[in-house]
Amino acid sequence: VCLRIRPHAGDPWLRRGVSLVPVGV
C-alpha cells in the first residue's frame, strides 16, 4: 500500500514516511 501511495504523496514528510515503511517491513 505504501509503495502504491508514494508516487502520489504530495507532502514531503508523507513521501519519506511511506518510502521507509517497506524498508522496515
mmCIF file of all heavy atoms, coordinates in Angstrom:
data_MODEL
# 
_entry.id   MODEL 
# 
loop_
_atom_site.group_PDB 
_atom_site.id 
_atom_site.type_symbol 
_atom_site.label_atom_id 
_atom_site.label_alt_id 
_atom_site.label_comp_id 
_atom_site.label_asym_id 
_atom_site.label_entity_id 
_atom_site.label_seq_id 
_atom_site.pdbx_PDB_ins_code 
_atom_site.Cartn_x 
_atom_site.Cartn_y 
_atom_site.Cartn_z 
_atom_site.occupancy 
_atom_site.B_iso_or_equiv 
_atom_site.pdbx_formal_charge 
_atom_site.auth_seq_id 
_atom_site.auth_comp_id 
_atom_site.auth_asym_id 
_atom_site.auth_atom_id 
_atom_site.pdbx_PDB_model_num 
ATOM 1   N N   . VAL A 1 1  ? 0.841  -1.204 0.000  1.00 0.00 ? 1  VAL A N   1 
ATOM 2   C CA  . VAL A 1 1  ? 0.000  0.000  0.000  1.00 0.00 ? 1  VAL A CA  1 
ATOM 3   C C   . VAL A 1 1  ? 0.875  1.252  0.000  1.00 0.00 ? 1  VAL A C   1 
ATOM 4   O O   . VAL A 1 1  ? 0.618  2.214  -0.742 1.00 0.00 ? 1  VAL A O   1 
ATOM 5   C CB  . VAL A 1 1  ? -0.950 0.005  1.214  1.00 0.00 ? 1  VAL A CB  1 
ATOM 6   C CG1 . VAL A 1 1  ? -1.669 1.349  1.329  1.00 0.00 ? 1  VAL A CG1 1 
ATOM 7   C CG2 . VAL A 1 1  ? -1.982 -1.112 1.090  1.00 0.00 ? 1  VAL A CG2 1 
ATOM 8   N N   . CYS A 1 2  ? 1.929  1.257  0.800  1.00 0.00 ? 2  CYS A N   1 
ATOM 9   C CA  . CYS A 1 2  ? 2.812  2.423  0.869  1.00 0.00 ? 2  CYS A CA  1 
ATOM 10  C C   . CYS A 1 2  ? 3.535  2.653  -0.457 1.00 0.00 ? 2  CYS A C   1 
ATOM 11  O O   . CYS A 1 2  ? 3.716  3.812  -0.886 1.00 0.00 ? 2  CYS A O   1 
ATOM 12  C CB  . CYS A 1 2  ? 3.816  2.258  2.005  1.00 0.00 ? 2  CYS A CB  1 
ATOM 13  S SG  . CYS A 1 2  ? 3.064  2.451  3.634  1.00 0.00 ? 2  CYS A SG  1 
ATOM 14  N N   . LEU A 1 3  ? 3.933  1.578  -1.121 1.00 0.00 ? 3  LEU A N   1 
ATOM 15  C CA  . LEU A 1 3  ? 4.575  1.731  -2.428 1.00 0.00 ? 3  LEU A CA  1 
ATOM 16  C C   . LEU A 1 3  ? 3.599  2.316  -3.445 1.00 0.00 ? 3  LEU A C   1 
ATOM 17  O O   . LEU A 1 3  ? 3.999  3.076  -4.336 1.00 0.00 ? 3  LEU A O   1 
ATOM 18  C CB  . LEU A 1 3  ? 5.106  0.380  -2.905 1.00 0.00 ? 3  LEU A CB  1 
ATOM 19  C CG  . LEU A 1 3  ? 6.338  -0.151 -2.162 1.00 0.00 ? 3  LEU A CG  1 
ATOM 20  C CD1 . LEU A 1 3  ? 6.638  -1.586 -2.591 1.00 0.00 ? 3  LEU A CD1 1 
ATOM 21  C CD2 . LEU A 1 3  ? 7.548  0.746  -2.409 1.00 0.00 ? 3  LEU A CD2 1 
ATOM 22  N N   . ARG A 1 4  ? 2.331  1.958  -3.308 1.00 0.00 ? 4  ARG A N   1 
ATOM 23  C CA  . ARG A 1 4  ? 1.321  2.482  -4.219 1.00 0.00 ? 4  ARG A CA  1 
ATOM 24  C C   . ARG A 1 4  ? 1.041  3.962  -3.943 1.00 0.00 ? 4  ARG A C   1 
ATOM 25  O O   . ARG A 1 4  ? 0.776  4.736  -4.848 1.00 0.00 ? 4  ARG A O   1 
ATOM 26  C CB  . ARG A 1 4  ? 0.031  1.662  -4.088 1.00 0.00 ? 4  ARG A CB  1 
ATOM 27  C CG  . ARG A 1 4  ? -0.975 1.952  -5.175 1.00 0.00 ? 4  ARG A CG  1 
ATOM 28  C CD  . ARG A 1 4  ? -2.026 0.867  -5.288 1.00 0.00 ? 4  ARG A CD  1 
ATOM 29  N NE  . ARG A 1 4  ? -2.872 0.793  -4.118 1.00 0.00 ? 4  ARG A NE  1 
ATOM 30  C CZ  . ARG A 1 4  ? -2.936 -0.260 -3.292 1.00 0.00 ? 4  ARG A CZ  1 
ATOM 31  N NH1 . ARG A 1 4  ? -2.171 -1.314 -3.506 1.00 0.00 ? 4  ARG A NH1 1 
ATOM 32  N NH2 . ARG A 1 4  ? -3.750 -0.260 -2.259 1.00 0.00 ? 4  ARG A NH2 1 
ATOM 33  N N   . ILE A 1 5  ? 1.112  4.350  -2.668 1.00 0.00 ? 5  ILE A N   1 
ATOM 34  C CA  . ILE A 1 5  ? 0.854  5.740  -2.293 1.00 0.00 ? 5  ILE A CA  1 
ATOM 35  C C   . ILE A 1 5  ? 1.997  6.653  -2.711 1.00 0.00 ? 5  ILE A C   1 
ATOM 36  O O   . ILE A 1 5  ? 1.781  7.807  -3.113 1.00 0.00 ? 5  ILE A O   1 
ATOM 37  C CB  . ILE A 1 5  ? 0.672  5.859  -0.762 1.00 0.00 ? 5  ILE A CB  1 
ATOM 38  C CG1 . ILE A 1 5  ? -0.584 5.140  -0.303 1.00 0.00 ? 5  ILE A CG1 1 
ATOM 39  C CG2 . ILE A 1 5  ? 0.610  7.322  -0.321 1.00 0.00 ? 5  ILE A CG2 1 
ATOM 40  C CD1 . ILE A 1 5  ? -0.690 5.033  1.201  1.00 0.00 ? 5  ILE A CD1 1 
ATOM 41  N N   . ARG A 1 6  ? 3.216  6.172  -2.631 1.00 0.00 ? 6  ARG A N   1 
ATOM 42  C CA  . ARG A 1 6  ? 4.411  7.024  -2.742 1.00 0.00 ? 6  ARG A CA  1 
ATOM 43  C C   . ARG A 1 6  ? 4.397  7.970  -3.944 1.00 0.00 ? 6  ARG A C   1 
ATOM 44  O O   . ARG A 1 6  ? 4.667  9.172  -3.792 1.00 0.00 ? 6  ARG A O   1 
ATOM 45  C CB  . ARG A 1 6  ? 5.660  6.152  -2.764 1.00 0.00 ? 6  ARG A CB  1 
ATOM 46  C CG  . ARG A 1 6  ? 6.948  6.954  -2.698 1.00 0.00 ? 6  ARG A CG  1 
ATOM 47  C CD  . ARG A 1 6  ? 8.183  6.058  -2.733 1.00 0.00 ? 6  ARG A CD  1 
ATOM 48  N NE  . ARG A 1 6  ? 9.386  6.848  -2.620 1.00 0.00 ? 6  ARG A NE  1 
ATOM 49  C CZ  . ARG A 1 6  ? 9.938  7.513  -3.623 1.00 0.00 ? 6  ARG A CZ  1 
ATOM 50  N NH1 . ARG A 1 6  ? 9.375  7.477  -4.818 1.00 0.00 ? 6  ARG A NH1 1 
ATOM 51  N NH2 . ARG A 1 6  ? 11.042 8.220  -3.440 1.00 0.00 ? 6  ARG A NH2 1 
ATOM 52  N N   . PRO A 1 7  ? 4.093  7.498  -5.161 1.00 0.00 ? 7  PRO A N   1 
ATOM 53  C CA  . PRO A 1 7  ? 4.157  8.428  -6.307 1.00 0.00 ? 7  PRO A CA  1 
ATOM 54  C C   . PRO A 1 7  ? 3.141  9.567  -6.224 1.00 0.00 ? 7  PRO A C   1 
ATOM 55  O O   . PRO A 1 7  ? 3.313  10.596 -6.877 1.00 0.00 ? 7  PRO A O   1 
ATOM 56  C CB  . PRO A 1 7  ? 3.845  7.517  -7.509 1.00 0.00 ? 7  PRO A CB  1 
ATOM 57  C CG  . PRO A 1 7  ? 4.116  6.128  -7.037 1.00 0.00 ? 7  PRO A CG  1 
ATOM 58  C CD  . PRO A 1 7  ? 3.773  6.128  -5.587 1.00 0.00 ? 7  PRO A CD  1 
ATOM 59  N N   . HIS A 1 8  ? 2.087  9.378  -5.422 1.00 0.00 ? 8  HIS A N   1 
ATOM 60  C CA  . HIS A 1 8  ? 1.022  10.382 -5.356 1.00 0.00 ? 8  HIS A CA  1 
ATOM 61  C C   . HIS A 1 8  ? 1.082  11.216 -4.072 1.00 0.00 ? 8  HIS A C   1 
ATOM 62  O O   . HIS A 1 8  ? 0.213  12.061 -3.852 1.00 0.00 ? 8  HIS A O   1 
ATOM 63  C CB  . HIS A 1 8  ? -0.340 9.690  -5.435 1.00 0.00 ? 8  HIS A CB  1 
ATOM 64  C CG  . HIS A 1 8  ? -0.446 8.718  -6.572 1.00 0.00 ? 8  HIS A CG  1 
ATOM 65  N ND1 . HIS A 1 8  ? -0.522 9.112  -7.898 1.00 0.00 ? 8  HIS A ND1 1 
ATOM 66  C CD2 . HIS A 1 8  ? -0.443 7.358  -6.598 1.00 0.00 ? 8  HIS A CD2 1 
ATOM 67  C CE1 . HIS A 1 8  ? -0.582 8.054  -8.678 1.00 0.00 ? 8  HIS A CE1 1 
ATOM 68  N NE2 . HIS A 1 8  ? -0.531 6.975  -7.923 1.00 0.00 ? 8  HIS A NE2 1 
ATOM 69  N N   . ALA A 1 9  ? 2.093  10.974 -3.246 1.00 0.00 ? 9  ALA A N   1 
ATOM 70  C CA  . ALA A 1 9  ? 2.191  11.692 -1.969 1.00 0.00 ? 9  ALA A CA  1 
ATOM 71  C C   . ALA A 1 9  ? 2.716  13.105 -2.219 1.00 0.00 ? 9  ALA A C   1 
ATOM 72  O O   . ALA A 1 9  ? 3.865  13.293 -2.632 1.00 0.00 ? 9  ALA A O   1 
ATOM 73  C CB  . ALA A 1 9  ? 3.108  10.938 -1.013 1.00 0.00 ? 9  ALA A CB  1 
ATOM 74  N N   . GLY A 1 10 ? 1.873  14.097 -1.980 1.00 0.00 ? 10 GLY A N   1 
ATOM 75  C CA  . GLY A 1 10 ? 2.282  15.479 -2.204 1.00 0.00 ? 10 GLY A CA  1 
ATOM 76  C C   . GLY A 1 10 ? 3.135  16.022 -1.078 1.00 0.00 ? 10 GLY A C   1 
ATOM 77  O O   . GLY A 1 10 ? 4.081  16.782 -1.312 1.00 0.00 ? 10 GLY A O   1 
ATOM 78  N N   . ASP A 1 11 ? 2.821  15.647 0.144  1.00 0.00 ? 11 ASP A N   1 
ATOM 79  C CA  . ASP A 1 11 ? 3.568  16.143 1.298  1.00 0.00 ? 11 ASP A CA  1 
ATOM 80  C C   . ASP A 1 11 ? 4.928  15.445 1.382  1.00 0.00 ? 11 ASP A C   1 
ATOM 81  O O   . ASP A 1 11 ? 4.997  14.215 1.350  1.00 0.00 ? 11 ASP A O   1 
ATOM 82  C CB  . ASP A 1 11 ? 2.771  15.882 2.580  1.00 0.00 ? 11 ASP A CB  1 
ATOM 83  C CG  . ASP A 1 11 ? 3.493  16.443 3.792  1.00 0.00 ? 11 ASP A CG  1 
ATOM 84  O OD1 . ASP A 1 11 ? 3.350  17.638 4.064  1.00 0.00 ? 11 ASP A OD1 1 
ATOM 85  O OD2 . ASP A 1 11 ? 4.206  15.667 4.458  1.00 0.00 ? 11 ASP A OD2 1 
ATOM 86  N N   . PRO A 1 12 ? 6.036  16.190 1.484  1.00 0.00 ? 12 PRO A N   1 
ATOM 87  C CA  . PRO A 1 12 ? 7.372  15.555 1.527  1.00 0.00 ? 12 PRO A CA  1 
ATOM 88  C C   . PRO A 1 12 ? 7.540  14.588 2.692  1.00 0.00 ? 12 PRO A C   1 
ATOM 89  O O   . PRO A 1 12 ? 8.178  13.539 2.533  1.00 0.00 ? 12 PRO A O   1 
ATOM 90  C CB  . PRO A 1 12 ? 8.322  16.759 1.672  1.00 0.00 ? 12 PRO A CB  1 
ATOM 91  C CG  . PRO A 1 12 ? 7.555  17.931 1.174  1.00 0.00 ? 12 PRO A CG  1 
ATOM 92  C CD  . PRO A 1 12 ? 6.123  17.664 1.498  1.00 0.00 ? 12 PRO A CD  1 
ATOM 93  N N   . TRP A 1 13 ? 6.997  14.932 3.873  1.00 0.00 ? 13 TRP A N   1 
ATOM 94  C CA  . TRP A 1 13 ? 7.146  14.043 5.023  1.00 0.00 ? 13 TRP A CA  1 
ATOM 95  C C   . TRP A 1 13 ? 6.351  12.755 4.828  1.00 0.00 ? 13 TRP A C   1 
ATOM 96  O O   . TRP A 1 13 ? 6.813  11.671 5.213  1.00 0.00 ? 13 TRP A O   1 
ATOM 97  C CB  . TRP A 1 13 ? 6.711  14.755 6.298  1.00 0.00 ? 13 TRP A CB  1 
ATOM 98  C CG  . TRP A 1 13 ? 7.737  15.723 6.786  1.00 0.00 ? 13 TRP A CG  1 
ATOM 99  C CD1 . TRP A 1 13 ? 7.698  17.076 6.722  1.00 0.00 ? 13 TRP A CD1 1 
ATOM 100 C CD2 . TRP A 1 13 ? 9.013  15.398 7.362  1.00 0.00 ? 13 TRP A CD2 1 
ATOM 101 N NE1 . TRP A 1 13 ? 8.842  17.632 7.230  1.00 0.00 ? 13 TRP A NE1 1 
ATOM 102 C CE2 . TRP A 1 13 ? 9.670  16.627 7.641  1.00 0.00 ? 13 TRP A CE2 1 
ATOM 103 C CE3 . TRP A 1 13 ? 9.650  14.191 7.678  1.00 0.00 ? 13 TRP A CE3 1 
ATOM 104 C CZ2 . TRP A 1 13 ? 10.933 16.672 8.219  1.00 0.00 ? 13 TRP A CZ2 1 
ATOM 105 C CZ3 . TRP A 1 13 ? 10.920 14.244 8.268  1.00 0.00 ? 13 TRP A CZ3 1 
ATOM 106 C CH2 . TRP A 1 13 ? 11.542 15.478 8.528  1.00 0.00 ? 13 TRP A CH2 1 
ATOM 107 N N   . LEU A 1 14 ? 5.178  12.862 4.221  1.00 0.00 ? 14 LEU A N   1 
ATOM 108 C CA  . LEU A 1 14 ? 4.406  11.653 3.922  1.00 0.00 ? 14 LEU A CA  1 
ATOM 109 C C   . LEU A 1 14 ? 5.167  10.782 2.939  1.00 0.00 ? 14 LEU A C   1 
ATOM 110 O O   . LEU A 1 14 ? 5.231  9.559  3.099  1.00 0.00 ? 14 LEU A O   1 
ATOM 111 C CB  . LEU A 1 14 ? 3.040  12.031 3.356  1.00 0.00 ? 14 LEU A CB  1 
ATOM 112 C CG  . LEU A 1 14 ? 2.150  10.860 2.910  1.00 0.00 ? 14 LEU A CG  1 
ATOM 113 C CD1 . LEU A 1 14 ? 1.866  9.915  4.078  1.00 0.00 ? 14 LEU A CD1 1 
ATOM 114 C CD2 . LEU A 1 14 ? 0.857  11.376 2.291  1.00 0.00 ? 14 LEU A CD2 1 
ATOM 115 N N   . ARG A 1 15 ? 5.750  11.402 1.919  1.00 0.00 ? 15 ARG A N   1 
ATOM 116 C CA  . ARG A 1 15 ? 6.505  10.638 0.925  1.00 0.00 ? 15 ARG A CA  1 
ATOM 117 C C   . ARG A 1 15 ? 7.699  9.928  1.561  1.00 0.00 ? 15 ARG A C   1 
ATOM 118 O O   . ARG A 1 15 ? 7.983  8.769  1.268  1.00 0.00 ? 15 ARG A O   1 
ATOM 119 C CB  . ARG A 1 15 ? 6.967  11.565 -0.200 1.00 0.00 ? 15 ARG A CB  1 
ATOM 120 C CG  . ARG A 1 15 ? 7.574  10.831 -1.386 1.00 0.00 ? 15 ARG A CG  1 
ATOM 121 C CD  . ARG A 1 15 ? 7.618  11.694 -2.642 1.00 0.00 ? 15 ARG A CD  1 
ATOM 122 N NE  . ARG A 1 15 ? 8.309  12.965 -2.414 1.00 0.00 ? 15 ARG A NE  1 
ATOM 123 C CZ  . ARG A 1 15 ? 7.705  14.153 -2.340 1.00 0.00 ? 15 ARG A CZ  1 
ATOM 124 N NH1 . ARG A 1 15 ? 6.392  14.229 -2.467 1.00 0.00 ? 15 ARG A NH1 1 
ATOM 125 N NH2 . ARG A 1 15 ? 8.408  15.251 -2.146 1.00 0.00 ? 15 ARG A NH2 1 
ATOM 126 N N   . ARG A 1 16 ? 8.392  10.621 2.462  1.00 0.00 ? 16 ARG A N   1 
ATOM 127 C CA  . ARG A 1 16 ? 9.513  9.982  3.164  1.00 0.00 ? 16 ARG A CA  1 
ATOM 128 C C   . ARG A 1 16 ? 9.018  8.824  4.029  1.00 0.00 ? 16 ARG A C   1 
ATOM 129 O O   . ARG A 1 16 ? 9.628  7.757  4.078  1.00 0.00 ? 16 ARG A O   1 
ATOM 130 C CB  . ARG A 1 16 ? 10.235 11.000 4.043  1.00 0.00 ? 16 ARG A CB  1 
ATOM 131 C CG  . ARG A 1 16 ? 10.970 12.081 3.275  1.00 0.00 ? 16 ARG A CG  1 
ATOM 132 C CD  . ARG A 1 16 ? 11.756 12.983 4.215  1.00 0.00 ? 16 ARG A CD  1 
ATOM 133 N NE  . ARG A 1 16 ? 12.260 14.150 3.515  1.00 0.00 ? 16 ARG A NE  1 
ATOM 134 C CZ  . ARG A 1 16 ? 11.775 15.384 3.633  1.00 0.00 ? 16 ARG A CZ  1 
ATOM 135 N NH1 . ARG A 1 16 ? 10.755 15.601 4.465  1.00 0.00 ? 16 ARG A NH1 1 
ATOM 136 N NH2 . ARG A 1 16 ? 12.285 16.389 2.967  1.00 0.00 ? 16 ARG A NH2 1 
ATOM 137 N N   . GLY A 1 17 ? 7.904  9.057  4.720  1.00 0.00 ? 17 GLY A N   1 
ATOM 138 C CA  . GLY A 1 17 ? 7.370  8.021  5.606  1.00 0.00 ? 17 GLY A CA  1 
ATOM 139 C C   . GLY A 1 17 ? 6.981  6.759  4.861  1.00 0.00 ? 17 GLY A C   1 
ATOM 140 O O   . GLY A 1 17 ? 7.359  5.652  5.251  1.00 0.00 ? 17 GLY A O   1 
ATOM 141 N N   . VAL A 1 18 ? 6.220  6.920  3.773  1.00 0.00 ? 18 VAL A N   1 
ATOM 142 C CA  . VAL A 1 18 ? 5.771  5.728  3.045  1.00 0.00 ? 18 VAL A CA  1 
ATOM 143 C C   . VAL A 1 18 ? 6.929  5.067  2.306  1.00 0.00 ? 18 VAL A C   1 
ATOM 144 O O   . VAL A 1 18 ? 6.859  3.884  1.963  1.00 0.00 ? 18 VAL A O   1 
ATOM 145 C CB  . VAL A 1 18 ? 4.609  6.058  2.074  1.00 0.00 ? 18 VAL A CB  1 
ATOM 146 C CG1 . VAL A 1 18 ? 3.387  6.522  2.840  1.00 0.00 ? 18 VAL A CG1 1 
ATOM 147 C CG2 . VAL A 1 18 ? 5.022  7.084  1.020  1.00 0.00 ? 18 VAL A CG2 1 
ATOM 148 N N   . SER A 1 19 ? 8.010  5.812  2.070  1.00 0.00 ? 19 SER A N   1 
ATOM 149 C CA  . SER A 1 19 ? 9.199  5.211  1.454  1.00 0.00 ? 19 SER A CA  1 
ATOM 150 C C   . SER A 1 19 ? 9.959  4.348  2.451  1.00 0.00 ? 19 SER A C   1 
ATOM 151 O O   . SER A 1 19 ? 10.589 3.342  2.077  1.00 0.00 ? 19 SER A O   1 
ATOM 152 C CB  . SER A 1 19 ? 10.126 6.299  0.912  1.00 0.00 ? 19 SER A CB  1 
ATOM 153 O OG  . SER A 1 19 ? 9.487  7.059  -0.081 1.00 0.00 ? 19 SER A OG  1 
ATOM 154 N N   . LEU A 1 20 ? 9.920  4.739  3.731  1.00 0.00 ? 20 LEU A N   1 
ATOM 155 C CA  . LEU A 1 20 ? 10.652 3.996  4.759  1.00 0.00 ? 20 LEU A CA  1 
ATOM 156 C C   . LEU A 1 20 ? 9.915  2.741  5.228  1.00 0.00 ? 20 LEU A C   1 
ATOM 157 O O   . LEU A 1 20 ? 10.543 1.801  5.713  1.00 0.00 ? 20 LEU A O   1 
ATOM 158 C CB  . LEU A 1 20 ? 10.925 4.905  5.956  1.00 0.00 ? 20 LEU A CB  1 
ATOM 159 C CG  . LEU A 1 20 ? 11.989 5.981  5.749  1.00 0.00 ? 20 LEU A CG  1 
ATOM 160 C CD1 . LEU A 1 20 ? 12.028 6.930  6.939  1.00 0.00 ? 20 LEU A CD1 1 
ATOM 161 C CD2 . LEU A 1 20 ? 13.351 5.337  5.530  1.00 0.00 ? 20 LEU A CD2 1 
ATOM 162 N N   . VAL A 1 21 ? 8.581  2.744  5.101  1.00 0.00 ? 21 VAL A N   1 
ATOM 163 C CA  . VAL A 1 21 ? 7.815  1.597  5.596  1.00 0.00 ? 21 VAL A CA  1 
ATOM 164 C C   . VAL A 1 21 ? 8.269  0.273  4.971  1.00 0.00 ? 21 VAL A C   1 
ATOM 165 O O   . VAL A 1 21 ? 8.502  -0.711 5.690  1.00 0.00 ? 21 VAL A O   1 
ATOM 166 C CB  . VAL A 1 21 ? 6.298  1.814  5.380  1.00 0.00 ? 21 VAL A CB  1 
ATOM 167 C CG1 . VAL A 1 21 ? 5.524  0.509  5.594  1.00 0.00 ? 21 VAL A CG1 1 
ATOM 168 C CG2 . VAL A 1 21 ? 5.784  2.875  6.342  1.00 0.00 ? 21 VAL A CG2 1 
ATOM 169 N N   . PRO A 1 22 ? 8.428  0.178  3.627  1.00 0.00 ? 22 PRO A N   1 
ATOM 170 C CA  . PRO A 1 22 ? 8.879  -1.104 3.066  1.00 0.00 ? 22 PRO A CA  1 
ATOM 171 C C   . PRO A 1 22 ? 10.240 -1.554 3.587  1.00 0.00 ? 22 PRO A C   1 
ATOM 172 O O   . PRO A 1 22 ? 10.492 -2.754 3.711  1.00 0.00 ? 22 PRO A O   1 
ATOM 173 C CB  . PRO A 1 22 ? 8.939  -0.826 1.551  1.00 0.00 ? 22 PRO A CB  1 
ATOM 174 C CG  . PRO A 1 22 ? 7.954  0.294  1.342  1.00 0.00 ? 22 PRO A CG  1 
ATOM 175 C CD  . PRO A 1 22 ? 8.089  1.141  2.564  1.00 0.00 ? 22 PRO A CD  1 
ATOM 176 N N   . VAL A 1 23 ? 11.115 -0.591 3.906  1.00 0.00 ? 23 VAL A N   1 
ATOM 177 C CA  . VAL A 1 23 ? 12.417 -0.949 4.484  1.00 0.00 ? 23 VAL A CA  1 
ATOM 178 C C   . VAL A 1 23 ? 12.226 -1.584 5.857  1.00 0.00 ? 23 VAL A C   1 
ATOM 179 O O   . VAL A 1 23 ? 12.817 -2.622 6.170  1.00 0.00 ? 23 VAL A O   1 
ATOM 180 C CB  . VAL A 1 23 ? 13.320 0.298  4.586  1.00 0.00 ? 23 VAL A CB  1 
ATOM 181 C CG1 . VAL A 1 23 ? 14.660 -0.068 5.231  1.00 0.00 ? 23 VAL A CG1 1 
ATOM 182 C CG2 . VAL A 1 23 ? 13.530 0.919  3.216  1.00 0.00 ? 23 VAL A CG2 1 
ATOM 183 N N   . GLY A 1 24 ? 11.379 -0.955 6.675  1.00 0.00 ? 24 GLY A N   1 
ATOM 184 C CA  . GLY A 1 24 ? 11.096 -1.532 7.990  1.00 0.00 ? 24 GLY A CA  1 
ATOM 185 C C   . GLY A 1 24 ? 10.440 -2.890 7.892  1.00 0.00 ? 24 GLY A C   1 
ATOM 186 O O   . GLY A 1 24 ? 10.716 -3.786 8.703  1.00 0.00 ? 24 GLY A O   1 
ATOM 187 N N   . VAL A 1 25 ? 9.592  -3.061 6.878  1.00 0.00 ? 25 VAL A N   1 
ATOM 188 C CA  . VAL A 1 25 ? 8.916  -4.350 6.691  1.00 0.00 ? 25 VAL A CA  1 
ATOM 189 C C   . VAL A 1 25 ? 9.923  -5.464 6.433  1.00 0.00 ? 25 VAL A C   1 
ATOM 190 O O   . VAL A 1 25 ? 9.754  -6.593 6.901  1.00 0.00 ? 25 VAL A O   1 
ATOM 191 C CB  . VAL A 1 25 ? 7.899  -4.245 5.538  1.00 0.00 ? 25 VAL A CB  1 
ATOM 192 C CG1 . VAL A 1 25 ? 7.477  -5.629 5.039  1.00 0.00 ? 25 VAL A CG1 1 
ATOM 193 C CG2 . VAL A 1 25 ? 6.671  -3.456 5.995  1.00 0.00 ? 25 VAL A CG2 1 
# 
